[in-house]
Structure formats: C-alpha cells, structure tokens
Amino acid sequence: MDSAIGSSVYNFIELVGTSSKDWEEAVRNAIDHAEGKLTNMRMAEVVEMDTKLVEGKIVQFRAKVRLSFKHEVEPETL
C-alpha cells in the first residue's frame, strides 16, 4: 500500500453531554468523558443542542458532540 507523507486517518464518535447549568458545560462534560478514554483527539463539533423541560422550565441542557481522533494502527495489523 502506498502512503503519502503527512497523510492521516481519523475516526469519529458522537457523544451527548448534559448539564443543569448551560450548553457550554454540557459540551465540556462530553469532551472530558472522552478525554480519559481516547487519545489524539483533534476536533469537537457541536452537531445538536436541546433541552429537557419539566413544567415548562429548563432542567437540563444537552449537547450532541462529534469528536474526531487520529486513527492509530499497530504496524503488525497493516
């Protein structure tokens, strides 16, 4: 297989972070959760935001976050 110098492959996952405070904290919660499990995270894209309502009041902010991380392949699996 030919490989170009400087080329990379990335994986994507989507997580939903939640917060009772605001959307920014919801995004941070999703990223913080992934940070301990993924290496080489490169990008976080907020793809959707919504709220949970109870009796017309916001009780939870939710943010769907698409995270990319560099795909690492062990040499023996090529």
Protein backbone atom coordinates (compact mmCIF):
# COMPACT_ATOMS: atom_id res chain seq x y z
CA MET A 1 0.00 0.00 0.00
CA ASP A 2 1.35 3.42 -0.92
CA SER A 3 1.11 6.07 1.77
CA ALA A 4 1.54 9.78 1.25
CA ILE A 5 3.83 11.63 3.61
CA GLY A 6 1.81 13.61 6.12
CA SER A 7 -1.50 11.85 5.46
CA SER A 8 -3.68 10.73 8.35
CA VAL A 9 -6.87 8.84 9.02
CA TYR A 10 -9.40 9.93 11.64
CA ASN A 11 -12.24 8.19 13.44
CA PHE A 12 -15.41 9.93 14.63
CA ILE A 13 -17.74 9.22 17.53
CA GLU A 14 -20.78 11.09 18.81
CA LEU A 15 -21.47 11.66 22.48
CA VAL A 16 -24.21 13.53 24.29
CA GLY A 17 -23.06 15.66 27.21
CA THR A 18 -25.52 17.02 29.75
CA SER A 19 -25.54 19.83 32.29
CA SER A 20 -28.03 21.51 34.57
CA LYS A 21 -26.10 24.80 34.08
CA ASP A 22 -25.64 25.53 30.33
CA TRP A 23 -24.70 24.12 26.92
CA GLU A 24 -21.03 25.03 27.29
CA GLU A 25 -20.75 22.81 30.35
CA ALA A 26 -22.67 20.05 28.53
CA VAL A 27 -20.09 20.13 25.72
CA ARG A 28 -17.22 20.17 28.23
CA ASN A 29 -18.73 17.15 30.04
CA ALA A 30 -18.83 15.14 26.79
CA ILE A 31 -15.22 16.04 25.95
CA ASP A 32 -13.99 15.39 29.49
CA HIS A 33 -15.63 11.97 29.46
CA ALA A 34 -13.93 11.04 26.18
CA GLU A 35 -10.58 12.51 27.19
CA GLY A 36 -9.84 9.72 29.64
CA LYS A 37 -10.65 7.02 27.08
CA LEU A 38 -9.43 8.37 23.72
CA THR A 39 -6.01 9.53 22.64
CA ASN A 40 -5.14 12.03 19.92
CA MET A 41 -8.48 13.86 19.94
CA ARG A 42 -8.38 16.50 17.22
CA MET A 43 -11.76 18.21 16.89
CA ALA A 44 -15.08 18.62 18.67
CA GLU A 45 -18.08 19.70 16.63
CA VAL A 46 -21.38 20.51 18.31
CA VAL A 47 -23.95 18.98 15.98
CA GLU A 48 -27.12 19.43 18.01
CA MET A 49 -28.29 21.15 21.17
CA ASP A 50 -31.54 20.70 23.03
CA THR A 51 -33.04 20.99 26.49
CA LYS A 52 -35.11 18.83 28.76
CA LEU A 53 -38.17 20.63 30.10
CA VAL A 54 -40.22 19.96 33.22
CA GLU A 55 -43.39 22.01 33.66
CA GLY A 56 -42.10 24.48 31.07
CA LYS A 57 -38.77 25.06 32.84
CA ILE A 58 -35.35 24.03 31.56
CA VAL A 59 -33.92 21.35 33.83
CA GLN A 60 -31.15 20.01 31.60
CA PHE A 61 -29.03 21.22 28.69
CA ARG A 62 -27.89 18.55 26.23
CA ALA A 63 -25.26 18.83 23.51
CA LYS A 64 -24.52 16.18 20.90
CA VAL A 65 -20.78 16.42 20.18
CA ARG A 66 -18.98 14.78 17.26
CA LEU A 67 -15.37 14.06 18.25
CA SER A 68 -12.57 13.12 15.91
CA PHE A 69 -9.40 11.35 16.92
CA LYS A 70 -6.41 10.20 14.93
CA HIS A 71 -6.62 6.56 13.94
CA GLU A 72 -3.58 4.70 15.22
CA VAL A 73 -2.74 1.39 13.57
CA GLU A 74 -0.24 -1.03 15.02
CA PRO A 75 2.36 -1.93 12.35
CA GLU A 76 1.57 -5.66 12.58
CA THR A 77 -2.10 -5.02 11.63
CA LEU A 78 -1.30 -3.39 8.27
